[in-house]
Amino acid sequence: MYYIGVDYHKKYSYMVVKDQEGNLKDKGTVNNLQEEVEVRWTPCLGQGRGLIKREPCHPQGV
C-alpha cells in the first residue's frame, strides 16, 4: 500500500508518495490534467484502487 500526499493548486499539484513504512517512493510536481497525472504516477503506483481522504490544512476555527 502507498500513501499519497497532495498539495493541490489551480494549475498544478505537488505530490509525495510513501510506502507503509514511511519510505519516500517518489515526489514531484504535475499539471492538473488527467493524462499528465496518469503518465507521471502510474509507473510508480501501478494500476489499482485508491481511497481519497480530504483533510483541511488547518482545523476549523483556527
N, C-alpha and C. Protein backbone atom coordinates (compact mmCIF):
# COMPACT_ATOMS: atom_id res chain seq x y z
N MET A 1 0.84 -1.16 0.00
CA MET A 1 0.00 0.00 0.00
C MET A 1 0.89 1.23 0.00
N TYR A 2 0.45 2.23 -0.74
CA TYR A 2 1.15 3.50 -0.79
C TYR A 2 0.27 4.61 -0.24
N TYR A 3 0.89 5.62 0.32
CA TYR A 3 0.20 6.81 0.80
C TYR A 3 0.65 7.97 -0.05
N ILE A 4 -0.31 8.79 -0.49
CA ILE A 4 -0.01 9.90 -1.38
C ILE A 4 -0.48 11.18 -0.73
N GLY A 5 0.43 12.13 -0.58
CA GLY A 5 0.10 13.46 -0.09
C GLY A 5 0.03 14.40 -1.29
N VAL A 6 -1.00 15.22 -1.35
CA VAL A 6 -1.19 16.12 -2.48
C VAL A 6 -1.39 17.55 -1.98
N ASP A 7 -0.57 18.46 -2.49
CA ASP A 7 -0.75 19.89 -2.26
C ASP A 7 -1.35 20.43 -3.55
N TYR A 8 -2.66 20.58 -3.58
CA TYR A 8 -3.41 20.90 -4.79
C TYR A 8 -3.50 22.40 -5.01
N HIS A 9 -3.17 22.83 -6.22
CA HIS A 9 -3.30 24.23 -6.63
C HIS A 9 -4.17 24.27 -7.89
N LYS A 10 -4.48 25.45 -8.38
CA LYS A 10 -5.37 25.57 -9.55
C LYS A 10 -4.78 24.91 -10.80
N LYS A 11 -3.50 25.14 -11.09
CA LYS A 11 -2.92 24.65 -12.34
C LYS A 11 -2.01 23.44 -12.16
N TYR A 12 -1.49 23.22 -10.97
CA TYR A 12 -0.58 22.10 -10.75
C TYR A 12 -0.74 21.58 -9.32
N SER A 13 -0.18 20.41 -9.06
CA SER A 13 -0.17 19.84 -7.72
C SER A 13 1.22 19.31 -7.42
N TYR A 14 1.59 19.33 -6.15
CA TYR A 14 2.83 18.72 -5.69
C TYR A 14 2.43 17.45 -4.96
N MET A 15 3.03 16.32 -5.34
CA MET A 15 2.63 15.04 -4.77
C MET A 15 3.84 14.31 -4.17
N VAL A 16 3.59 13.62 -3.06
CA VAL A 16 4.60 12.81 -2.39
C VAL A 16 4.01 11.42 -2.20
N VAL A 17 4.78 10.38 -2.53
CA VAL A 17 4.33 9.00 -2.38
C VAL A 17 5.25 8.30 -1.39
N LYS A 18 4.64 7.68 -0.36
CA LYS A 18 5.40 6.92 0.63
C LYS A 18 4.80 5.53 0.76
N ASP A 19 5.64 4.56 1.16
CA ASP A 19 5.13 3.21 1.39
C ASP A 19 4.65 3.09 2.83
N GLN A 20 4.23 1.89 3.22
CA GLN A 20 3.66 1.67 4.56
C GLN A 20 4.64 1.97 5.68
N GLU A 21 5.94 1.83 5.41
CA GLU A 21 6.96 2.09 6.42
C GLU A 21 7.36 3.56 6.47
N GLY A 22 6.80 4.37 5.58
CA GLY A 22 7.12 5.79 5.55
C GLY A 22 8.30 6.15 4.66
N ASN A 23 8.78 5.18 3.88
CA ASN A 23 9.90 5.44 2.97
C ASN A 23 9.41 6.20 1.75
N LEU A 24 10.14 7.23 1.37
CA LEU A 24 9.79 8.03 0.21
C LEU A 24 9.98 7.21 -1.06
N LYS A 25 8.93 7.10 -1.85
CA LYS A 25 9.00 6.36 -3.11
C LYS A 25 9.15 7.30 -4.30
N ASP A 26 8.50 8.47 -4.24
CA ASP A 26 8.55 9.43 -5.34
C ASP A 26 7.97 10.75 -4.87
N LYS A 27 8.33 11.83 -5.55
CA LYS A 27 7.75 13.13 -5.27
C LYS A 27 7.92 14.00 -6.50
N GLY A 28 7.06 15.00 -6.65
CA GLY A 28 7.20 15.88 -7.78
C GLY A 28 5.96 16.71 -8.04
N THR A 29 6.10 17.59 -9.02
CA THR A 29 5.04 18.49 -9.43
C THR A 29 4.46 18.01 -10.75
N VAL A 30 3.14 18.13 -10.90
CA VAL A 30 2.48 17.72 -12.13
C VAL A 30 1.34 18.70 -12.42
N ASN A 31 1.14 18.99 -13.70
CA ASN A 31 -0.01 19.80 -14.10
C ASN A 31 -1.28 19.04 -13.81
N ASN A 32 -2.35 19.73 -13.49
CA ASN A 32 -3.62 19.10 -13.12
C ASN A 32 -4.42 18.69 -14.35
N LEU A 33 -3.84 17.84 -15.15
CA LEU A 33 -4.51 17.26 -16.31
C LEU A 33 -4.46 15.75 -16.13
N GLN A 34 -5.60 15.07 -16.31
CA GLN A 34 -5.67 13.63 -16.04
C GLN A 34 -4.56 12.85 -16.73
N GLU A 35 -4.33 13.13 -18.02
CA GLU A 35 -3.32 12.36 -18.74
C GLU A 35 -1.92 12.61 -18.19
N GLU A 36 -1.62 13.81 -17.72
CA GLU A 36 -0.30 14.07 -17.15
C GLU A 36 -0.13 13.38 -15.81
N VAL A 37 -1.19 13.37 -15.00
CA VAL A 37 -1.14 12.68 -13.71
C VAL A 37 -0.92 11.18 -13.95
N GLU A 38 -1.66 10.60 -14.88
CA GLU A 38 -1.52 9.16 -15.16
C GLU A 38 -0.12 8.83 -15.67
N VAL A 39 0.40 9.61 -16.59
CA VAL A 39 1.73 9.35 -17.15
C VAL A 39 2.79 9.46 -16.06
N ARG A 40 2.64 10.43 -15.16
CA ARG A 40 3.64 10.66 -14.13
C ARG A 40 3.59 9.62 -13.02
N TRP A 41 2.41 9.21 -12.58
CA TRP A 41 2.31 8.39 -11.38
C TRP A 41 2.01 6.92 -11.60
N THR A 42 1.46 6.51 -12.73
CA THR A 42 1.17 5.10 -12.95
C THR A 42 2.41 4.21 -12.86
N PRO A 43 3.59 4.62 -13.40
CA PRO A 43 4.76 3.75 -13.26
C PRO A 43 5.14 3.50 -11.79
N CYS A 44 4.93 4.46 -10.93
CA CYS A 44 5.27 4.30 -9.51
C CYS A 44 4.21 3.49 -8.78
N LEU A 45 2.95 3.75 -9.06
CA LEU A 45 1.86 3.15 -8.30
C LEU A 45 1.22 1.95 -8.96
N GLY A 46 1.34 1.83 -10.27
CA GLY A 46 0.69 0.75 -10.98
C GLY A 46 -0.81 0.98 -11.09
N GLN A 47 -1.49 0.00 -11.58
CA GLN A 47 -2.95 0.09 -11.68
C GLN A 47 -3.52 -0.43 -10.38
N GLY A 48 -4.58 0.17 -9.91
CA GLY A 48 -5.17 -0.31 -8.67
C GLY A 48 -6.28 0.59 -8.20
N ARG A 49 -6.69 0.37 -6.98
CA ARG A 49 -7.76 1.15 -6.38
C ARG A 49 -7.16 2.18 -5.44
N GLY A 50 -7.95 3.18 -5.13
CA GLY A 50 -7.49 4.21 -4.22
C GLY A 50 -8.61 4.69 -3.31
N LEU A 51 -8.22 5.32 -2.26
CA LEU A 51 -9.14 5.93 -1.32
C LEU A 51 -8.68 7.36 -1.11
N ILE A 52 -9.59 8.29 -1.22
CA ILE A 52 -9.25 9.69 -1.04
C ILE A 52 -9.80 10.17 0.29
N LYS A 53 -8.93 10.72 1.09
CA LYS A 53 -9.33 11.31 2.37
C LYS A 53 -8.88 12.76 2.35
N ARG A 54 -9.86 13.65 2.38
CA ARG A 54 -9.55 15.08 2.35
C ARG A 54 -9.50 15.63 3.76
N GLU A 55 -8.42 16.34 4.04
CA GLU A 55 -8.28 16.99 5.34
C GLU A 55 -7.86 18.43 5.11
N PRO A 56 -8.42 19.36 5.87
CA PRO A 56 -8.01 20.76 5.72
C PRO A 56 -6.58 20.94 6.25
N CYS A 57 -5.93 21.97 5.73
CA CYS A 57 -4.58 22.28 6.20
C CYS A 57 -4.61 22.76 7.65
N HIS A 58 -5.70 23.44 8.02
CA HIS A 58 -5.84 23.96 9.37
C HIS A 58 -7.20 23.54 9.92
N PRO A 59 -7.25 23.14 11.17
CA PRO A 59 -8.55 22.79 11.75
C PRO A 59 -9.50 23.98 11.69
N GLN A 60 -10.78 23.70 11.60
CA GLN A 60 -11.77 24.78 11.56
C GLN A 60 -11.69 25.60 12.84
N GLY A 61 -11.87 26.90 12.67
CA GLY A 61 -11.83 27.78 13.83
C GLY A 61 -10.46 28.31 14.16
N VAL A 62 -9.46 27.93 13.36
CA VAL A 62 -8.09 28.43 13.63
C VAL A 62 -7.80 29.54 12.67
